[in-house]
């Protein structure tokens, strides 16, 4: 049952994000919907993923981002075994 709601809610979220036409609108949306800490957490995950894809070591990333190697490892697992969305987005922006 929870999976059914997750899929419906994910579709709603995706549809809502697709309606945002500018970076400013997206920024305002994030500010309204998320706490500063949640925004920082998401941004940190993206930074970590980008550095992993650039070939940095987990220790280098942990120091640079100011987090634990455990957190870096979790993002590494997402890049390696996830559904590919994060990797695809970051690789397309790196080229």
PDB file of N, CA and C in Angstrom:
ATOM      1  N   UNK A   1       0.818  -1.198   0.000  1.00  0.00           N
ATOM      2  CA  UNK A   1       0.000   0.000   0.000  1.00  0.00           C
ATOM      3  C   UNK A   1       0.859   1.259   0.000  1.00  0.00           C
ATOM      4  N   UNK A   2       1.909   1.265   0.820  1.00  0.00           N
ATOM      5  CA  UNK A   2       2.789   2.434   0.881  1.00  0.00           C
ATOM      6  C   UNK A   2       3.457   2.682  -0.462  1.00  0.00           C
ATOM      7  N   UNK A   3       3.807   1.608  -1.176  1.00  0.00           N
ATOM      8  CA  UNK A   3       4.439   1.750  -2.487  1.00  0.00           C
ATOM      9  C   UNK A   3       3.501   2.430  -3.469  1.00  0.00           C
ATOM     10  N   UNK A   4       2.212   2.110  -3.403  1.00  0.00           N
ATOM     11  CA  UNK A   4       1.226   2.741  -4.274  1.00  0.00           C
ATOM     12  C   UNK A   4       1.204   4.245  -4.041  1.00  0.00           C
ATOM     13  N   UNK A   5       1.180   4.652  -2.779  1.00  0.00           N
ATOM     14  CA  UNK A   5       1.184   6.080  -2.468  1.00  0.00           C
ATOM     15  C   UNK A   5       2.500   6.728  -2.881  1.00  0.00           C
ATOM     16  N   UNK A   6       3.593   6.027  -2.688  1.00  0.00           N
ATOM     17  CA  UNK A   6       4.896   6.562  -3.078  1.00  0.00           C
ATOM     18  C   UNK A   6       4.923   6.864  -4.569  1.00  0.00           C
ATOM     19  N   UNK A   7       4.465   5.933  -5.380  1.00  0.00           N
ATOM     20  CA  UNK A   7       4.473   6.147  -6.832  1.00  0.00           C
ATOM     21  C   UNK A   7       3.568   7.304  -7.232  1.00  0.00           C
ATOM     22  N   UNK A   8       2.378   7.378  -6.648  1.00  0.00           N
ATOM     23  CA  UNK A   8       1.461   8.484  -6.955  1.00  0.00           C
ATOM     24  C   UNK A   8       2.064   9.817  -6.522  1.00  0.00           C
ATOM     25  N   UNK A   9       2.623   9.828  -5.320  1.00  0.00           N
ATOM     26  CA  UNK A   9       3.209  11.064  -4.804  1.00  0.00           C
ATOM     27  C   UNK A   9       4.444  11.472  -5.597  1.00  0.00           C
ATOM     28  N   UNK A  10       5.220  10.495  -6.035  1.00  0.00           N
ATOM     29  CA  UNK A  10       6.397  10.798  -6.851  1.00  0.00           C
ATOM     30  C   UNK A  10       5.963  11.405  -8.187  1.00  0.00           C
ATOM     31  N   UNK A  11       4.900  10.872  -8.767  1.00  0.00           N
ATOM     32  CA  UNK A  11       4.381  11.432 -10.029  1.00  0.00           C
ATOM     33  C   UNK A  11       3.922  12.874  -9.831  1.00  0.00           C
ATOM     34  N   UNK A  12       3.269  13.141  -8.709  1.00  0.00           N
ATOM     35  CA  UNK A  12       2.836  14.507  -8.403  1.00  0.00           C
ATOM     36  C   UNK A  12       4.038  15.434  -8.269  1.00  0.00           C
ATOM     37  N   UNK A  13       5.059  14.982  -7.566  1.00  0.00           N
ATOM     38  CA  UNK A  13       6.270  15.786  -7.390  1.00  0.00           C
ATOM     39  C   UNK A  13       6.940  16.064  -8.730  1.00  0.00           C
ATOM     40  N   UNK A  14       7.093  15.040  -9.550  1.00  0.00           N
ATOM     41  CA  UNK A  14       7.728  15.205 -10.862  1.00  0.00           C
ATOM     42  C   UNK A  14       6.913  16.165 -11.728  1.00  0.00           C
ATOM     43  N   UNK A  15       5.610  15.993 -11.757  1.00  0.00           N
ATOM     44  CA  UNK A  15       4.753  16.873 -12.557  1.00  0.00           C
ATOM     45  C   UNK A  15       4.861  18.320 -12.083  1.00  0.00           C
ATOM     46  N   UNK A  16       4.929  18.513 -10.777  1.00  0.00           N
ATOM     47  CA  UNK A  16       5.052  19.861 -10.222  1.00  0.00           C
ATOM     48  C   UNK A  16       6.390  20.486 -10.600  1.00  0.00           C
ATOM     49  N   UNK A  17       7.472  19.720 -10.456  1.00  0.00           N
ATOM     50  CA  UNK A  17       8.801  20.240 -10.802  1.00  0.00           C
ATOM     51  C   UNK A  17       8.899  20.592 -12.283  1.00  0.00           C
ATOM     52  N   UNK A  18       8.255  19.814 -13.124  1.00  0.00           N
ATOM     53  CA  UNK A  18       8.301  20.081 -14.570  1.00  0.00           C
ATOM     54  C   UNK A  18       7.614  21.401 -14.932  1.00  0.00           C
ATOM     55  N   UNK A  19       6.701  21.857 -14.104  1.00  0.00           N
ATOM     56  CA  UNK A  19       5.986  23.111 -14.371  1.00  0.00           C
ATOM     57  C   UNK A  19       6.837  24.344 -14.087  1.00  0.00           C
ATOM     58  N   UNK A  20       7.893  24.178 -13.313  1.00  0.00           N
ATOM     59  CA  UNK A  20       8.745  25.317 -12.976  1.00  0.00           C
ATOM     60  C   UNK A  20       9.557  25.720 -14.199  1.00  0.00           C
ATOM     61  N   UNK A  21       9.456  26.970 -14.587  1.00  0.00           N
ATOM     62  CA  UNK A  21      10.030  27.418 -15.861  1.00  0.00           C
ATOM     63  C   UNK A  21      11.405  28.059 -15.743  1.00  0.00           C
ATOM     64  N   UNK A  22      11.804  28.441 -14.549  1.00  0.00           N
ATOM     65  CA  UNK A  22      13.087  29.128 -14.423  1.00  0.00           C
ATOM     66  C   UNK A  22      13.820  28.664 -13.164  1.00  0.00           C
ATOM     67  N   UNK A  23      15.106  28.961 -13.134  1.00  0.00           N
ATOM     68  CA  UNK A  23      15.907  28.651 -11.949  1.00  0.00           C
ATOM     69  C   UNK A  23      15.381  29.406 -10.733  1.00  0.00           C
ATOM     70  N   UNK A  24      14.946  30.638 -10.954  1.00  0.00           N
ATOM     71  CA  UNK A  24      14.412  31.440  -9.850  1.00  0.00           C
ATOM     72  C   UNK A  24      13.152  30.793  -9.280  1.00  0.00           C
ATOM     73  N   UNK A  25      12.256  30.335 -10.167  1.00  0.00           N
ATOM     74  CA  UNK A  25      11.037  29.673  -9.708  1.00  0.00           C
ATOM     75  C   UNK A  25      11.363  28.401  -8.928  1.00  0.00           C
ATOM     76  N   UNK A  26      12.333  27.638  -9.416  1.00  0.00           N
ATOM     77  CA  UNK A  26      12.736  26.415  -8.726  1.00  0.00           C
ATOM     78  C   UNK A  26      13.322  26.742  -7.354  1.00  0.00           C
ATOM     79  N   UNK A  27      14.144  27.770  -7.291  1.00  0.00           N
ATOM     80  CA  UNK A  27      14.740  28.186  -6.024  1.00  0.00           C
ATOM     81  C   UNK A  27      13.666  28.604  -5.020  1.00  0.00           C
ATOM     82  N   UNK A  28      12.696  29.379  -5.472  1.00  0.00           N
ATOM     83  CA  UNK A  28      11.603  29.809  -4.595  1.00  0.00           C
ATOM     84  C   UNK A  28      10.777  28.615  -4.118  1.00  0.00           C
ATOM     85  N   UNK A  29      10.526  27.685  -5.022  1.00  0.00           N
ATOM     86  CA  UNK A  29       9.788  26.466  -4.688  1.00  0.00           C
ATOM     87  C   UNK A  29      10.512  25.682  -3.596  1.00  0.00           C
ATOM     88  N   UNK A  30      11.824  25.498  -3.775  1.00  0.00           N
ATOM     89  CA  UNK A  30      12.613  24.766  -2.779  1.00  0.00           C
ATOM     90  C   UNK A  30      12.604  25.485  -1.435  1.00  0.00           C
ATOM     91  N   UNK A  31      12.724  26.813  -1.471  1.00  0.00           N
ATOM     92  CA  UNK A  31      12.703  27.595  -0.228  1.00  0.00           C
ATOM     93  C   UNK A  31      11.370  27.444   0.509  1.00  0.00           C
ATOM     94  N   UNK A  32      10.280  27.390  -0.250  1.00  0.00           N
ATOM     95  CA  UNK A  32       8.958  27.236   0.365  1.00  0.00           C
ATOM     96  C   UNK A  32       8.739  25.829   0.916  1.00  0.00           C
ATOM     97  N   UNK A  33       9.227  24.838   0.201  1.00  0.00           N
ATOM     98  CA  UNK A  33       8.897  23.454   0.520  1.00  0.00           C
ATOM     99  C   UNK A  33       9.845  22.792   1.511  1.00  0.00           C
ATOM    100  N   UNK A  34      11.125  23.164   1.468  1.00  0.00           N
ATOM    101  CA  UNK A  34      12.142  22.484   2.270  1.00  0.00           C
ATOM    102  C   UNK A  34      12.751  23.425   3.303  1.00  0.00           C
ATOM    103  N   UNK A  35      13.267  22.842   4.376  1.00  0.00           N
ATOM    104  CA  UNK A  35      14.013  23.634   5.349  1.00  0.00           C
ATOM    105  C   UNK A  35      15.407  23.910   4.777  1.00  0.00           C
ATOM    106  N   UNK A  36      16.102  24.869   5.370  1.00  0.00           N
ATOM    107  CA  UNK A  36      17.473  25.147   4.932  1.00  0.00           C
ATOM    108  C   UNK A  36      18.342  23.902   5.068  1.00  0.00           C
ATOM    109  N   UNK A  37      18.148  23.158   6.145  1.00  0.00           N
ATOM    110  CA  UNK A  37      18.938  21.944   6.368  1.00  0.00           C
ATOM    111  C   UNK A  37      18.673  20.895   5.283  1.00  0.00           C
ATOM    112  N   UNK A  38      17.417  20.751   4.881  1.00  0.00           N
ATOM    113  CA  UNK A  38      17.085  19.790   3.817  1.00  0.00           C
ATOM    114  C   UNK A  38      17.709  20.203   2.489  1.00  0.00           C
ATOM    115  N   UNK A  39      17.689  21.497   2.205  1.00  0.00           N
ATOM    116  CA  UNK A  39      18.313  21.997   0.977  1.00  0.00           C
ATOM    117  C   UNK A  39      19.814  21.745   1.017  1.00  0.00           C
ATOM    118  N   UNK A  40      20.442  22.035   2.151  1.00  0.00           N
ATOM    119  CA  UNK A  40      21.881  21.794   2.293  1.00  0.00           C
ATOM    120  C   UNK A  40      22.215  20.310   2.164  1.00  0.00           C
ATOM    121  N   UNK A  41      21.380  19.440   2.726  1.00  0.00           N
ATOM    122  CA  UNK A  41      21.606  17.995   2.614  1.00  0.00           C
ATOM    123  C   UNK A  41      21.553  17.536   1.158  1.00  0.00           C
ATOM    124  N   UNK A  42      20.556  18.013   0.426  1.00  0.00           N
ATOM    125  CA  UNK A  42      20.446  17.646  -0.993  1.00  0.00           C
ATOM    126  C   UNK A  42      21.642  18.165  -1.782  1.00  0.00           C
ATOM    127  N   UNK A  43      22.009  19.413  -1.534  1.00  0.00           N
ATOM    128  CA  UNK A  43      23.152  20.002  -2.238  1.00  0.00           C
ATOM    129  C   UNK A  43      24.433  19.242  -1.917  1.00  0.00           C
ATOM    130  N   UNK A  44      24.590  18.840  -0.654  1.00  0.00           N
ATOM    131  CA  UNK A  44      25.782  18.089  -0.258  1.00  0.00           C
ATOM    132  C   UNK A  44      25.841  16.749  -0.985  1.00  0.00           C
ATOM    133  N   UNK A  45      24.719  16.074  -1.109  1.00  0.00           N
ATOM    134  CA  UNK A  45      24.683  14.796  -1.829  1.00  0.00           C
ATOM    135  C   UNK A  45      25.100  14.980  -3.283  1.00  0.00           C
ATOM    136  N   UNK A  46      24.643  16.052  -3.892  1.00  0.00           N
ATOM    137  CA  UNK A  46      25.007  16.323  -5.285  1.00  0.00           C
ATOM    138  C   UNK A  46      26.497  16.622  -5.398  1.00  0.00           C
ATOM    139  N   UNK A  47      27.028  17.434  -4.471  1.00  0.00           N
ATOM    140  CA  UNK A  47      28.474  17.725  -4.474  1.00  0.00           C
ATOM    141  C   UNK A  47      29.280  16.442  -4.347  1.00  0.00           C
ATOM    142  N   UNK A  48      28.877  15.592  -3.412  1.00  0.00           N
ATOM    143  CA  UNK A  48      29.587  14.327  -3.194  1.00  0.00           C
ATOM    144  C   UNK A  48      29.547  13.478  -4.458  1.00  0.00           C
ATOM    145  N   UNK A  49      28.386  13.345  -5.056  1.00  0.00           N
ATOM    146  CA  UNK A  49      28.251  12.535  -6.268  1.00  0.00           C
ATOM    147  C   UNK A  49      29.128  13.077  -7.391  1.00  0.00           C
ATOM    148  N   UNK A  50      29.138  14.383  -7.552  1.00  0.00           N
ATOM    149  CA  UNK A  50      29.962  15.003  -8.593  1.00  0.00           C
ATOM    150  C   UNK A  50      31.438  14.696  -8.369  1.00  0.00           C
ATOM    151  N   UNK A  51      31.894  14.806  -7.135  1.00  0.00           N
ATOM    152  CA  UNK A  51      33.302  14.540  -6.826  1.00  0.00           C
ATOM    153  C   UNK A  51      33.652  13.063  -7.026  1.00  0.00           C
ATOM    154  N   UNK A  52      32.726  12.174  -6.697  1.00  0.00           N
ATOM    155  CA  UNK A  52      32.951  10.744  -6.953  1.00  0.00           C
ATOM    156  C   UNK A  52      33.121  10.509  -8.450  1.00  0.00           C
ATOM    157  N   UNK A  53      32.240  11.101  -9.241  1.00  0.00           N
ATOM    158  CA  UNK A  53      32.314  10.926 -10.697  1.00  0.00           C
ATOM    159  C   UNK A  53      33.568  11.564 -11.287  1.00  0.00           C
ATOM    160  N   UNK A  54      34.131  12.549 -10.590  1.00  0.00           N
ATOM    161  CA  UNK A  54      35.392  13.163 -11.022  1.00  0.00           C
ATOM    162  C   UNK A  54      36.596  12.313 -10.629  1.00  0.00           C
ATOM    163  N   UNK A  55      36.351  11.234  -9.877  1.00  0.00           N
ATOM    164  CA  UNK A  55      37.429  10.320  -9.517  1.00  0.00           C
ATOM    165  C   UNK A  55      38.142  10.618  -8.215  1.00  0.00           C
ATOM    166  N   UNK A  56      37.595  11.521  -7.416  1.00  0.00           N
ATOM    167  CA  UNK A  56      38.205  11.828  -6.118  1.00  0.00           C
ATOM    168  C   UNK A  56      38.027  10.640  -5.172  1.00  0.00           C
ATOM    169  N   UNK A  57      38.947  10.495  -4.214  1.00  0.00           N
ATOM    170  CA  UNK A  57      38.819   9.422  -3.229  1.00  0.00           C
ATOM    171  C   UNK A  57      37.783   9.813  -2.180  1.00  0.00           C
ATOM    172  N   UNK A  58      37.251   8.807  -1.508  1.00  0.00           N
ATOM    173  CA  UNK A  58      36.256   9.067  -0.474  1.00  0.00           C
ATOM    174  C   UNK A  58      36.835   9.935   0.637  1.00  0.00           C
ATOM    175  N   UNK A  59      38.095   9.707   0.987  1.00  0.00           N
ATOM    176  CA  UNK A  59      38.736  10.526   2.023  1.00  0.00           C
ATOM    177  C   UNK A  59      38.852  11.980   1.577  1.00  0.00           C
ATOM    178  N   UNK A  60      39.264  12.202   0.322  1.00  0.00           N
ATOM    179  CA  UNK A  60      39.370  13.571  -0.212  1.00  0.00           C
ATOM    180  C   UNK A  60      38.009  14.266  -0.176  1.00  0.00           C
ATOM    181  N   UNK A  61      36.992  13.529  -0.585  1.00  0.00           N
ATOM    182  CA  UNK A  61      35.644  14.099  -0.643  1.00  0.00           C
ATOM    183  C   UNK A  61      35.146  14.443   0.758  1.00  0.00           C
ATOM    184  N   UNK A  62      35.346  13.539   1.699  1.00  0.00           N
ATOM    185  CA  UNK A  62      34.888  13.771   3.074  1.00  0.00           C
ATOM    186  C   UNK A  62      35.502  15.044   3.646  1.00  0.00           C
ATOM    187  N   UNK A  63      36.789  15.244   3.403  1.00  0.00           N
ATOM    188  CA  UNK A  63      37.470  16.444   3.896  1.00  0.00           C
ATOM    189  C   UNK A  63      36.945  17.685   3.177  1.00  0.00           C
ATOM    190  N   UNK A  64      36.858  17.609   1.858  1.00  0.00           N
ATOM    191  CA  UNK A  64      36.441  18.767   1.062  1.00  0.00           C
ATOM    192  C   UNK A  64      35.012  19.208   1.390  1.00  0.00           C
ATOM    193  N   UNK A  65      34.118  18.244   1.560  1.00  0.00           N
ATOM    194  CA  UNK A  65      32.707  18.558   1.785  1.00  0.00           C
ATOM    195  C   UNK A  65      32.389  18.733   3.273  1.00  0.00           C
ATOM    196  N   UNK A  66      33.249  18.205   4.124  1.00  0.00           N
ATOM    197  CA  UNK A  66      33.019  18.324   5.560  1.00  0.00           C
ATOM    198  C   UNK A  66      32.012  17.314   6.076  1.00  0.00           C
ATOM    199  N   UNK A  67      32.168  16.074   5.641  1.00  0.00           N
ATOM    200  CA  UNK A  67      31.268  15.006   6.064  1.00  0.00           C
ATOM    201  C   UNK A  67      32.073  13.751   6.355  1.00  0.00           C
ATOM    202  N   UNK A  68      31.389  12.689   6.702  1.00  0.00           N
ATOM    203  CA  UNK A  68      32.080  11.431   7.004  1.00  0.00           C
ATOM    204  C   UNK A  68      32.261  10.598   5.735  1.00  0.00           C
ATOM    205  N   UNK A  69      33.231   9.695   5.778  1.00  0.00           N
ATOM    206  CA  UNK A  69      33.410   8.785   4.640  1.00  0.00           C
ATOM    207  C   UNK A  69      32.214   7.847   4.525  1.00  0.00           C
ATOM    208  N   UNK A  70      31.497   7.633   5.614  1.00  0.00           N
ATOM    209  CA  UNK A  70      30.285   6.813   5.578  1.00  0.00           C
ATOM    210  C   UNK A  70      29.221   7.462   4.688  1.00  0.00           C
ATOM    211  N   UNK A  71      29.056   8.766   4.836  1.00  0.00           N
ATOM    212  CA  UNK A  71      28.107   9.498   3.991  1.00  0.00           C
ATOM    213  C   UNK A  71      28.547   9.445   2.535  1.00  0.00           C
ATOM    214  N   UNK A  72      29.824   9.632   2.295  1.00  0.00           N
ATOM    215  CA  UNK A  72      30.357   9.568   0.932  1.00  0.00           C
ATOM    216  C   UNK A  72      30.116   8.178   0.354  1.00  0.00           C
ATOM    217  N   UNK A  73      30.339   7.159   1.154  1.00  0.00           N
ATOM    218  CA  UNK A  73      30.134   5.780   0.717  1.00  0.00           C
ATOM    219  C   UNK A  73      28.680   5.523   0.329  1.00  0.00           C
ATOM    220  N   UNK A  74      27.750   6.077   1.096  1.00  0.00           N
ATOM    221  CA  UNK A  74      26.323   5.916   0.775  1.00  0.00           C
ATOM    222  C   UNK A  74      26.010   6.489  -0.603  1.00  0.00           C
ATOM    223  N   UNK A  75      26.562   7.653  -0.898  1.00  0.00           N
ATOM    224  CA  UNK A  75      26.332   8.265  -2.209  1.00  0.00           C
ATOM    225  C   UNK A  75      27.031   7.443  -3.294  1.00  0.00           C
ATOM    226  N   UNK A  76      28.200   6.916  -2.975  1.00  0.00           N
ATOM    227  CA  UNK A  76      28.893   6.037  -3.912  1.00  0.00           C
ATOM    228  C   UNK A  76      28.057   4.818  -4.263  1.00  0.00           C
ATOM    229  N   UNK A  77      27.375   4.264  -3.275  1.00  0.00           N
ATOM    230  CA  UNK A  77      26.501   3.110  -3.512  1.00  0.00           C
ATOM    231  C   UNK A  77      25.327   3.495  -4.413  1.00  0.00           C
ATOM    232  N   UNK A  78      24.803   4.688  -4.217  1.00  0.00           N
ATOM    233  CA  UNK A  78      23.708   5.162  -5.066  1.00  0.00           C
ATOM    234  C   UNK A  78      24.185   5.289  -6.509  1.00  0.00           C
ATOM    235  N   UNK A  79      25.361   5.843  -6.699  1.00  0.00           N
ATOM    236  CA  UNK A  79      25.899   5.996  -8.051  1.00  0.00           C
ATOM    237  C   UNK A  79      26.137   4.628  -8.688  1.00  0.00           C
ATOM    238  N   UNK A  80      26.647   3.709  -7.905  1.00  0.00           N
ATOM    239  CA  UNK A  80      26.996   2.393  -8.434  1.00  0.00           C
ATOM    240  C   UNK A  80      25.776   1.494  -8.647  1.00  0.00           C
ATOM    241  N   UNK A  81      24.845   1.499  -7.705  1.00  0.00           N
ATOM    242  CA  UNK A  81      23.743   0.537  -7.735  1.00  0.00           C
ATOM    243  C   UNK A  81      22.351   1.167  -7.840  1.00  0.00           C
ATOM    244  N   UNK A  82      22.278   2.486  -7.893  1.00  0.00           N
ATOM    245  CA  UNK A  82      20.977   3.148  -7.958  1.00  0.00           C
ATOM    246  C   UNK A  82      20.325   3.003  -9.323  1.00  0.00           C
ATOM    247  N   UNK A  83      19.297   3.758  -9.550  1.00  0.00           N
ATOM    248  CA  UNK A  83      18.536   3.668 -10.797  1.00  0.00           C
ATOM    249  C   UNK A  83      19.150   4.471 -11.938  1.00  0.00           C
ATOM    250  N   UNK A  84      20.189   5.240 -11.653  1.00  0.00           N
ATOM    251  CA  UNK A  84      20.924   5.935 -12.701  1.00  0.00           C
ATOM    252  C   UNK A  84      20.577   7.392 -12.923  1.00  0.00           C
ATOM    253  N   UNK A  85      19.575   7.894 -12.247  1.00  0.00           N
ATOM    254  CA  UNK A  85      19.155   9.273 -12.467  1.00  0.00           C
ATOM    255  C   UNK A  85      20.192  10.304 -12.066  1.00  0.00           C
ATOM    256  N   UNK A  86      20.789  10.121 -10.908  1.00  0.00           N
ATOM    257  CA  UNK A  86      21.803  11.061 -10.423  1.00  0.00           C
ATOM    258  C   UNK A  86      23.025  11.040 -11.327  1.00  0.00           C
ATOM    259  N   UNK A  87      23.487   9.851 -11.655  1.00  0.00           N
ATOM    260  CA  UNK A  87      24.652   9.711 -12.537  1.00  0.00           C
ATOM    261  C   UNK A  87      24.383  10.367 -13.896  1.00  0.00           C
ATOM    262  N   UNK A  88      23.229  10.101 -14.472  1.00  0.00           N
ATOM    263  CA  UNK A  88      22.886  10.647 -15.794  1.00  0.00           C
ATOM    264  C   UNK A  88      22.870  12.174 -15.770  1.00  0.00           C
ATOM    265  N   UNK A  89      22.242  12.727 -14.765  1.00  0.00           N
ATOM    266  CA  UNK A  89      22.156  14.184 -14.660  1.00  0.00           C
ATOM    267  C   UNK A  89      23.531  14.815 -14.509  1.00  0.00           C
ATOM    268  N   UNK A  90      24.337  14.263 -13.617  1.00  0.00           N
ATOM    269  CA  UNK A  90      25.656  14.848 -13.366  1.00  0.00           C
ATOM    270  C   UNK A  90      26.606  14.639 -14.534  1.00  0.00           C
ATOM    271  N   UNK A  91      26.549  13.485 -15.169  1.00  0.00           N
ATOM    272  CA  UNK A  91      27.435  13.252 -16.309  1.00  0.00           C
ATOM    273  C   UNK A  91      27.064  14.150 -17.483  1.00  0.00           C
ATOM    274  N   UNK A  92      25.779  14.412 -17.667  1.00  0.00           N
ATOM    275  CA  UNK A  92      25.383  15.293 -18.770  1.00  0.00           C
ATOM    276  C   UNK A  92      25.803  16.732 -18.493  1.00  0.00           C
ATOM    277  N   UNK A  93      25.846  17.125 -17.218  1.00  0.00           N
ATOM    278  CA  UNK A  93      26.245  18.495 -16.889  1.00  0.00           C
ATOM    279  C   UNK A  93      27.759  18.664 -16.858  1.00  0.00           C
ATOM    280  N   UNK A  94      28.501  17.545 -16.818  1.00  0.00           N
ATOM    281  CA  UNK A  94      29.961  17.611 -16.773  1.00  0.00           C
ATOM    282  C   UNK A  94      30.570  17.690 -18.172  1.00  0.00           C
ATOM    283  N   UNK A  95      29.780  17.425 -19.187  1.00  0.00           N
ATOM    284  CA  UNK A  95      30.310  17.436 -20.561  1.00  0.00           C
ATOM    285  C   UNK A  95      29.926  18.685 -21.296  1.00  0.00           C
TER     286      UNK A  95
END
